[in-house]
Amino acid sequence: MRTIELKKYAPIISDKEIGAEILGEIKTVLNSDNGVIIDMQDIRSMATFCAKQIFGALYVEMGSEDFFNKIRIKSATDDVKYIINLGIEKALEDNSFHL
């Protein structure tokens, strides 16, 4: 598993372009490796739409089993973990309308 450090985006991830950049980097690593560690050190908060854009999209695309087997989130605060979960929930809600 390769590690992606997000501290260069600290302290808050709240920009659509940055979300797209992070998602692209994660997908690139997943295409060449069997998993990825996402180091959230120094990230104090994240916009829910960015959490949906990154983690929600990955969860919907990969399914829960692959997501939890291949994605590890490191050094995330409880607040950031909560926001990531909200982003995944929102992506699942939105995706259910497209089935």
Protein backbone atom coordinates (compact mmCIF):
# COMPACT_ATOMS: atom_id res chain seq x y z
CA MET A 1 0.00 0.00 0.00
CA ARG A 2 1.26 3.40 -0.94
CA THR A 3 0.58 6.48 1.19
CA ILE A 4 -0.87 9.73 -0.12
CA GLU A 5 -0.28 12.68 2.21
CA LEU A 6 -2.92 15.40 2.10
CA LYS A 7 -1.19 17.87 4.42
CA LYS A 8 -0.29 20.06 1.42
CA TYR A 9 -4.03 20.87 1.28
CA ALA A 10 -4.25 21.68 5.03
CA PRO A 11 -5.99 22.85 7.04
CA ILE A 12 -9.31 22.60 5.12
CA ILE A 13 -10.20 20.75 1.93
CA SER A 14 -13.03 22.79 0.47
CA ASP A 15 -12.34 23.29 -3.23
CA LYS A 16 -13.87 21.24 -6.07
CA GLU A 17 -10.63 21.31 -8.09
CA ILE A 18 -8.59 20.07 -5.13
CA GLY A 19 -11.17 17.32 -4.56
CA ALA A 20 -10.80 16.25 -8.19
CA GLU A 21 -7.00 16.29 -7.85
CA ILE A 22 -7.10 14.14 -4.70
CA LEU A 23 -9.57 11.69 -6.27
CA GLY A 24 -7.37 11.40 -9.38
CA GLU A 25 -4.29 10.73 -7.27
CA ILE A 26 -6.09 8.02 -5.28
CA LYS A 27 -7.38 6.34 -8.45
CA THR A 28 -3.90 6.42 -9.99
CA VAL A 29 -2.44 4.67 -6.94
CA LEU A 30 -5.29 2.13 -6.89
CA ASN A 31 -4.66 1.33 -10.56
CA SER A 32 -1.02 0.51 -9.85
CA ASP A 33 -1.25 -0.86 -6.31
CA ASN A 34 -3.62 -3.03 -4.32
CA GLY A 35 -4.49 -0.33 -1.82
CA VAL A 36 -3.81 3.17 -0.58
CA ILE A 37 -3.29 4.85 2.78
CA ILE A 38 -4.67 8.38 2.85
CA ASP A 39 -2.82 10.38 5.49
CA MET A 40 -5.08 13.17 6.75
CA GLN A 41 -2.49 14.70 9.09
CA ASP A 42 -3.05 18.46 9.55
CA ILE A 43 -6.48 18.33 7.86
CA ARG A 44 -8.87 19.89 10.37
CA SER A 45 -11.98 19.95 8.22
CA MET A 46 -13.38 19.11 4.82
CA ALA A 47 -16.40 20.35 2.94
CA THR A 48 -19.07 17.67 2.76
CA PHE A 49 -19.23 18.04 -1.02
CA CYS A 50 -15.49 17.28 -1.20
CA ALA A 51 -15.95 14.21 1.00
CA LYS A 52 -18.73 13.09 -1.35
CA GLN A 53 -16.62 13.92 -4.41
CA ILE A 54 -13.66 11.88 -3.15
CA PHE A 55 -14.75 9.20 -0.70
CA GLY A 56 -18.39 8.92 -1.76
CA ALA A 57 -17.41 8.43 -5.39
CA LEU A 58 -14.84 5.78 -4.46
CA TYR A 59 -17.31 3.96 -2.21
CA VAL A 60 -20.05 3.88 -4.88
CA GLU A 61 -17.59 2.87 -7.60
CA MET A 62 -15.73 0.22 -5.60
CA GLY A 63 -18.48 -1.14 -3.37
CA SER A 64 -18.18 -1.41 0.39
CA GLU A 65 -15.99 -4.52 0.56
CA ASP A 66 -13.31 -3.24 -1.85
CA PHE A 67 -13.48 0.25 -0.36
CA PHE A 68 -12.77 -0.98 3.17
CA ASN A 69 -10.15 -3.50 2.00
CA LYS A 70 -8.22 -1.10 -0.24
CA ILE A 71 -8.67 2.35 1.35
CA ARG A 72 -7.10 3.19 4.71
CA ILE A 73 -7.59 6.59 6.28
CA LYS A 74 -4.83 7.60 8.69
CA SER A 75 -4.55 10.49 11.17
CA ALA A 76 -8.08 11.80 10.57
CA THR A 77 -9.75 13.69 13.40
CA ASP A 78 -13.17 12.53 14.58
CA ASP A 79 -14.69 15.56 12.84
CA VAL A 80 -13.06 14.67 9.52
CA LYS A 81 -14.13 11.02 9.87
CA TYR A 82 -17.69 12.20 10.46
CA ILE A 83 -17.59 14.42 7.37
CA ILE A 84 -16.20 11.55 5.26
CA ASN A 85 -19.06 9.34 6.45
CA LEU A 86 -21.57 12.07 5.57
CA GLY A 87 -20.04 12.34 2.09
CA ILE A 88 -20.37 8.59 1.57
CA GLU A 89 -23.99 8.65 2.80
CA LYS A 90 -24.84 11.52 0.45
CA ALA A 91 -23.23 9.74 -2.51
CA LEU A 92 -25.22 6.59 -1.74
CA GLU A 93 -28.46 8.59 -1.47
CA ASP A 94 -27.81 10.39 -4.75
CA ASN A 95 -26.74 7.18 -6.50
CA SER A 96 -29.91 5.37 -5.45
CA PHE A 97 -31.92 7.72 -7.68
CA HIS A 98 -29.87 6.71 -10.72
CA LEU A 99 -30.38 2.94 -10.36
